[in-house]
Protein backbone atom coordinates (compact mmCIF):
# COMPACT_ATOMS: atom_id res chain seq x y z
CA MET A 1 -7.88 -13.06 -17.99
CA SER A 2 -10.95 -12.77 -17.93
CA THR A 3 -13.70 -16.16 -17.73
CA LYS A 4 -16.42 -15.10 -19.85
CA SER A 5 -16.14 -16.50 -23.33
CA SER A 6 -16.45 -15.24 -26.50
CA HIS A 7 -16.85 -16.66 -30.22
CA LEU A 8 -13.75 -17.07 -32.26
CA GLY A 9 -12.84 -13.75 -34.21
CA SER A 10 -10.03 -13.02 -36.46
CA LEU A 11 -6.46 -12.50 -35.71
CA PRO A 12 -6.47 -8.36 -35.13
CA GLU A 13 -9.83 -9.11 -33.16
CA GLN A 14 -7.98 -12.05 -31.17
CA THR A 15 -5.25 -9.44 -31.05
CA LEU A 16 -7.14 -6.73 -29.49
CA ARG A 17 -8.62 -8.76 -27.06
CA GLY A 18 -5.62 -9.75 -26.21
CA ILE A 19 -4.42 -6.76 -25.06
CA ALA A 20 -7.47 -5.69 -22.90
CA GLN A 21 -7.67 -8.78 -21.42
CA VAL A 22 -3.92 -7.31 -19.68
CA PHE A 23 -6.65 -5.42 -17.84
CA PHE A 24 -8.83 -8.65 -17.28
CA GLN A 25 -11.56 -7.59 -20.24
CA ASP A 26 -12.39 -9.64 -23.55
CA ASN A 27 -13.41 -6.65 -25.96
CA VAL A 28 -11.52 -5.64 -28.84
CA LEU A 29 -13.02 -1.90 -28.40
CA THR A 30 -11.13 -2.28 -24.77
CA GLY A 31 -7.79 -3.35 -26.78
CA VAL A 32 -8.53 -0.66 -29.21
CA LEU A 33 -8.62 2.12 -26.58
CA VAL A 34 -6.08 1.12 -24.32
CA LEU A 35 -3.43 1.03 -28.12
CA VAL A 36 -4.50 4.80 -28.23
CA GLY A 37 -3.63 5.51 -25.41
CA LEU A 38 -0.23 4.10 -25.45
CA ALA A 39 0.11 5.61 -28.82
CA LEU A 40 -0.63 9.20 -26.56
CA ALA A 41 2.34 8.22 -24.52
CA ASN A 42 5.26 5.79 -26.98
CA PRO A 43 3.32 5.19 -30.67
CA ARG A 44 7.02 2.47 -30.50
CA MET A 45 5.40 0.90 -27.17
CA ALA A 46 2.09 0.64 -29.17
CA ALA A 47 2.98 -1.19 -32.02
CA LEU A 48 5.08 -3.52 -30.18
CA ALA A 49 3.02 -4.07 -27.89
CA ALA A 50 0.24 -5.45 -30.75
CA LEU A 51 3.10 -7.18 -32.01
CA GLY A 52 3.69 -8.76 -28.77
CA SER A 53 -0.13 -9.83 -28.44
CA VAL A 54 -0.29 -10.56 -32.53
CA ALA A 55 3.13 -12.77 -31.95
CA GLN A 56 1.41 -15.18 -28.65
CA THR A 57 -1.91 -15.20 -30.10
CA VAL A 58 -0.31 -16.87 -33.23
CA THR A 59 1.39 -19.35 -31.04
CA GLY A 60 -1.09 -20.04 -29.47
CA ARG A 61 -3.18 -21.40 -32.24
CA LEU A 62 -0.52 -22.88 -34.23
CA THR A 63 -0.31 -25.30 -30.59
CA GLY A 64 -3.28 -25.86 -30.23
CA ARG A 65 -4.90 -23.14 -27.53
CA GLN A 66 -8.10 -21.73 -30.39
CA GLU A 67 -10.25 -21.30 -27.61
CA ALA A 68 -7.58 -19.64 -25.53
CA ALA A 69 -6.74 -17.50 -28.11
CA ALA A 70 -9.83 -16.08 -29.25
CA ARG A 71 -10.78 -15.01 -25.67
CA GLY A 72 -7.55 -13.03 -25.51
CA LEU A 73 -5.97 -15.37 -22.91
CA MET A 74 -3.05 -15.92 -25.66
CA GLY A 75 -1.97 -12.54 -26.26
CA TYR A 76 -2.01 -10.58 -22.67
CA ASN A 77 1.21 -11.64 -21.77
CA GLY A 78 2.76 -11.14 -25.12
CA ALA A 79 1.34 -7.37 -25.39
CA LEU A 80 3.16 -6.76 -22.19
CA VAL A 81 6.18 -7.95 -23.38
CA GLY A 82 6.33 -6.20 -25.77
CA ALA A 83 5.70 -3.15 -24.04
CA ALA A 84 8.41 -3.93 -21.84
CA ALA A 85 10.85 -4.06 -24.96
CA ALA A 86 10.11 -0.94 -26.53
CA LEU A 87 11.99 0.29 -23.15
CA ASP A 88 14.56 -1.94 -22.77
CA VAL A 89 15.75 -2.94 -26.62
CA PRO A 90 16.81 -0.59 -28.73
CA GLY A 91 16.13 0.05 -32.58
CA TRP A 92 14.47 -2.62 -35.07
CA THR A 93 16.15 -5.20 -32.45
CA ALA A 94 12.88 -4.98 -29.96
CA ALA A 95 10.64 -6.08 -33.05
CA LEU A 96 12.32 -9.51 -32.99
CA VAL A 97 12.82 -9.42 -29.06
CA THR A 98 9.26 -8.82 -29.12
CA ILE A 99 8.32 -11.79 -31.58
CA VAL A 100 10.45 -14.35 -29.88
CA GLY A 101 9.71 -13.45 -26.43
CA ALA A 102 5.77 -12.91 -26.82
CA ALA A 103 6.03 -16.42 -28.47
CA LEU A 104 7.94 -17.86 -25.35
CA CYS A 105 4.74 -16.93 -23.41
CA VAL A 106 2.96 -19.68 -24.79
CA PRO A 107 5.53 -22.66 -23.25
CA VAL A 108 6.10 -20.69 -20.33
CA HIS A 109 2.51 -20.21 -19.48
CA ALA A 110 2.07 -23.69 -20.19
CA ALA A 111 4.70 -24.46 -17.39
CA PHE A 112 3.06 -22.33 -14.79
CA ALA A 113 -0.37 -23.98 -15.49
CA CYS A 114 1.00 -27.18 -15.10
CA LEU A 115 2.61 -26.03 -11.51
CA LEU A 116 -0.41 -24.51 -10.31
CA THR A 117 -2.51 -27.38 -10.93
CA ARG A 118 -0.06 -30.08 -8.98
CA GLY A 119 -0.13 -31.28 -5.14
CA PRO A 120 -2.50 -28.93 -2.68
CA LEU A 121 -2.24 -26.11 -5.35
CA SER A 122 -4.56 -28.03 -7.76
CA ARG A 123 -7.73 -27.47 -5.76
CA ARG A 124 -7.16 -23.58 -5.55
CA ASP A 125 -7.80 -23.19 -9.07
CA LEU A 126 -4.63 -20.30 -9.31
CA PRO A 127 -4.63 -18.10 -12.64
CA VAL A 128 -1.66 -18.32 -14.35
CA ALA A 129 -1.93 -14.15 -14.81
CA THR A 130 0.87 -12.05 -15.58
CA ALA A 131 3.72 -14.76 -14.48
CA PRO A 132 5.09 -15.51 -18.51
CA PHE A 133 5.19 -12.01 -18.73
CA CYS A 134 7.07 -10.91 -15.37
CA THR A 135 9.21 -14.06 -15.98
CA VAL A 136 10.20 -13.47 -19.95
CA ALA A 137 10.60 -9.74 -19.56
CA GLY A 138 12.99 -10.19 -16.66
CA VAL A 139 15.05 -12.23 -18.59
CA VAL A 140 14.94 -9.91 -21.70
CA HIS A 141 16.08 -6.92 -19.00
CA VAL A 142 19.03 -8.95 -17.93
CA LEU A 143 20.27 -9.61 -20.98
CA ALA A 144 19.89 -6.02 -22.60
CA GLN A 145 21.14 -3.98 -19.22
CA PRO A 146 19.25 -0.99 -20.47
CA ALA A 147 20.32 2.38 -19.41
CA ALA A 148 17.74 4.31 -17.15
CA GLY A 149 15.19 6.09 -18.69
CA GLU A 150 14.01 9.14 -18.73
CA PRO A 151 12.28 10.82 -15.98
CA LEU A 152 9.10 9.80 -14.75
CA SER A 153 6.10 12.16 -14.43
CA GLY A 154 5.00 13.31 -11.53
CA GLY A 155 6.16 15.45 -8.50
CA VAL A 156 5.74 16.22 -5.19
CA ALA A 157 2.96 18.65 -4.80
CA LEU A 158 -0.81 17.31 -2.92
CA TRP A 159 -1.96 18.67 -6.31
CA PRO A 160 -1.27 18.19 -9.28
CA GLY A 161 0.22 15.35 -7.83
CA ALA A 162 -2.88 13.31 -6.35
CA VAL A 163 -4.26 13.53 -10.37
CA HIS A 164 -0.94 12.36 -11.19
CA ALA A 165 -1.02 9.54 -8.97
CA LEU A 166 -4.55 7.98 -9.53
CA PHE A 167 -3.82 7.99 -13.39
CA ASN A 168 -0.47 7.24 -13.68
CA GLY A 169 -1.07 3.78 -12.02
CA ILE A 170 -3.41 2.28 -14.10
CA ALA A 171 -1.26 3.74 -17.19
CA GLU A 172 1.91 1.90 -15.44
CA VAL A 173 -0.11 -1.45 -15.89
CA PHE A 174 1.59 -1.05 -19.13
CA LEU A 175 4.52 0.66 -18.51
CA ALA A 176 3.94 3.73 -20.41
CA ASP A 177 3.71 7.03 -17.92
CA GLY A 178 1.55 9.96 -18.11
CA TRP A 179 -1.82 10.63 -16.19
CA LEU A 180 -3.56 10.84 -19.68
CA VAL A 181 -2.53 7.38 -20.80
CA GLY A 182 -4.57 6.33 -18.27
CA VAL A 183 -7.42 8.27 -18.54
CA VAL A 184 -7.83 6.98 -21.54
CA LEU A 185 -6.98 3.15 -20.52
CA LEU A 186 -9.28 3.70 -17.73
CA ALA A 187 -11.94 4.59 -19.98
CA GLY A 188 -10.93 1.61 -22.38
CA ILE A 189 -11.95 -0.04 -19.60
CA ALA A 190 -15.07 1.02 -18.65
CA LEU A 191 -16.41 0.81 -21.90
CA SER A 192 -16.29 -3.21 -21.10
CA SER A 193 -16.97 -2.71 -17.24
CA TRP A 194 -17.84 0.35 -14.99
CA ARG A 195 -17.46 -1.78 -12.42
CA ALA A 196 -13.75 -3.17 -13.26
CA ALA A 197 -13.18 0.70 -14.17
CA VAL A 198 -14.33 1.03 -10.61
CA TRP A 199 -11.68 -1.25 -8.33
CA GLY A 200 -9.19 -0.02 -10.44
CA LEU A 201 -9.11 3.46 -9.84
CA ALA A 202 -10.17 2.27 -6.41
CA GLY A 203 -6.63 0.49 -6.47
CA SER A 204 -5.08 3.54 -7.34
CA ALA A 205 -6.52 5.79 -4.78
CA LEU A 206 -5.68 3.70 -1.90
CA ALA A 207 -2.09 2.34 -2.73
CA ALA A 208 -1.74 6.32 -3.10
CA ALA A 209 -3.02 6.38 0.51
CA ILE A 210 -1.41 3.89 1.72
CA ALA A 211 2.06 4.69 0.15
CA LEU A 212 1.83 8.49 1.66
CA THR A 213 0.39 7.56 5.39
CA ALA A 214 3.72 5.52 5.10
CA GLY A 215 6.13 7.72 4.23
CA LEU A 216 7.03 6.33 1.39
CA ASP A 217 8.99 8.19 -1.65
CA ARG A 218 6.20 10.77 -2.99
CA SER A 219 8.16 11.14 -6.46
CA GLY A 220 7.16 7.49 -6.44
CA ILE A 221 3.63 7.29 -5.74
CA THR A 222 2.84 10.06 -8.35
CA ALA A 223 4.47 8.26 -11.22
CA GLY A 224 1.96 5.25 -10.29
CA LEU A 225 5.17 3.39 -8.91
CA PHE A 226 3.42 1.95 -6.13
CA GLY A 227 -0.22 1.64 -7.66
CA TYR A 228 0.22 -0.50 -10.79
CA SER A 229 0.33 -3.86 -8.94
CA PRO A 230 -3.08 -2.44 -6.30
CA VAL A 231 -4.54 -1.56 -9.93
CA LEU A 232 -4.90 -5.16 -10.79
CA VAL A 233 -5.38 -6.73 -7.61
CA ALA A 234 -8.27 -4.31 -6.84
CA MET A 235 -9.94 -5.54 -10.81
CA GLY A 236 -8.88 -9.10 -10.05
CA LEU A 237 -10.50 -9.41 -6.83
CA GLY A 238 -12.88 -7.09 -6.56
CA ALA A 239 -14.43 -7.78 -10.20
CA THR A 240 -13.00 -11.07 -11.81
CA PHE A 241 -11.65 -13.81 -9.02
CA LEU A 242 -14.22 -13.57 -6.37
CA VAL A 243 -17.41 -11.64 -8.18
CA GLU A 244 -19.79 -14.35 -5.86
CA ARG A 245 -18.42 -12.71 -2.24
CA ARG A 246 -19.79 -10.01 -0.67
CA LEU A 247 -19.04 -6.86 -1.50
CA ALA A 248 -17.49 -5.90 2.09
CA CYS A 249 -15.66 -9.23 2.13
CA ARG A 250 -13.83 -8.02 -1.14
CA ILE A 251 -13.06 -4.41 -0.02
CA LEU A 252 -11.52 -6.00 3.14
CA LEU A 253 -9.47 -8.17 0.83
CA VAL A 254 -8.42 -5.60 -2.14
CA VAL A 255 -7.73 -3.43 1.09
CA LEU A 256 -5.21 -5.85 2.33
CA GLY A 257 -4.07 -7.33 -1.12
CA THR A 258 -2.97 -3.28 -1.83
CA GLY A 259 -1.02 -3.55 1.25
CA LEU A 260 0.60 -6.40 0.39
CA ALA A 261 1.47 -5.93 -3.07
CA ILE A 262 3.14 -2.43 -2.14
CA VAL A 263 5.24 -4.50 0.20
CA LEU A 264 6.34 -7.34 -2.26
CA LYS A 265 7.31 -4.38 -4.27
CA LEU A 266 9.47 -2.35 -1.47
CA LEU A 267 10.97 -6.06 -1.03
CA MET A 268 11.80 -6.50 -4.57
CA ASP A 269 13.27 -3.18 -5.08
CA THR A 270 15.78 -4.79 -3.09
CA THR A 271 16.85 -7.17 -4.81
CA GLY A 272 17.55 -5.60 -8.05
CA ILE A 273 15.25 -8.29 -9.70
CA PRO A 274 12.51 -6.57 -12.27
CA VAL A 275 9.64 -6.15 -10.66
CA TYR A 276 7.28 -5.38 -13.55
CA THR A 277 3.89 -7.18 -11.98
CA TRP A 278 5.01 -9.97 -9.98
CA PRO A 279 3.43 -8.05 -6.72
CA PHE A 280 0.25 -8.20 -8.42
CA VAL A 281 1.06 -12.03 -9.40
CA LEU A 282 2.34 -13.48 -6.09
CA THR A 283 -0.43 -11.43 -4.15
CA LEU A 284 -3.01 -12.84 -6.15
CA TRP A 285 -2.06 -16.41 -5.69
CA LEU A 286 -1.43 -16.17 -1.86
CA VAL A 287 -4.98 -14.41 -1.37
CA LEU A 288 -6.71 -16.64 -3.90
CA GLY A 289 -4.87 -19.63 -2.60
CA GLY A 290 -6.24 -18.90 1.26
CA SER A 291 -9.42 -18.41 0.75
CA THR A 292 -12.35 -20.59 -0.43
CA ARG A 293 -13.56 -19.76 -3.72
């Protein structure tokens, strides 16, 4: 999702950039560390995330989107589809679902891009972000009807609950669980941009503080379930799309965006619709759409 240009690289490089772009980073080593972090918790998830990035990248290249594929912009939604398939689809069927779902992210991306460039929205230059992942993975989730997964890590004690909340929020961006996963993912982000890492960590901390103040479920807070969309909101508004704005302005927008993302998650939780990163996407569109860039 980064707008930084990069050279046309090999398919492995583009695949890793696609994984890194989940966190707005155009960096091969970031992609490597993200896969390492995922593998610590769930090697199958890491493999399917890589497969998803490959499948979407190849599809993007075959449909004339070589420059976007080279920057990883045709890989990040597919990577997330693969991560979701690891949780929702049993056995080797998950690999097939990942390939097909990741490939479908390309036309779905094009559809959202078309929608966001029509009428009044055309003046706002809104990013597609992870809307294709949410759409495709949501359909897969409904069709697969997965059983309830294992309990997430965390706890209700203030310590080490605070550490779990802080880093689980980062890990849950990739639907992964575990504070150590979050630490490795954060290190990968910092390797590319320490500013982006700081904004992401701040978003997770802010989300936990708001959720605690609001009296929300403490186990959900420490598991990172209220933090992952705010992590992306903070990185998107603070370090990616509004970098020309003053710091005070970006901080204010991140605080407002974090609160909005939490409210949207709570509302979506009542519908039975898979939440995924929809709160981040909708918050990003609303904030960017309501501001002059």
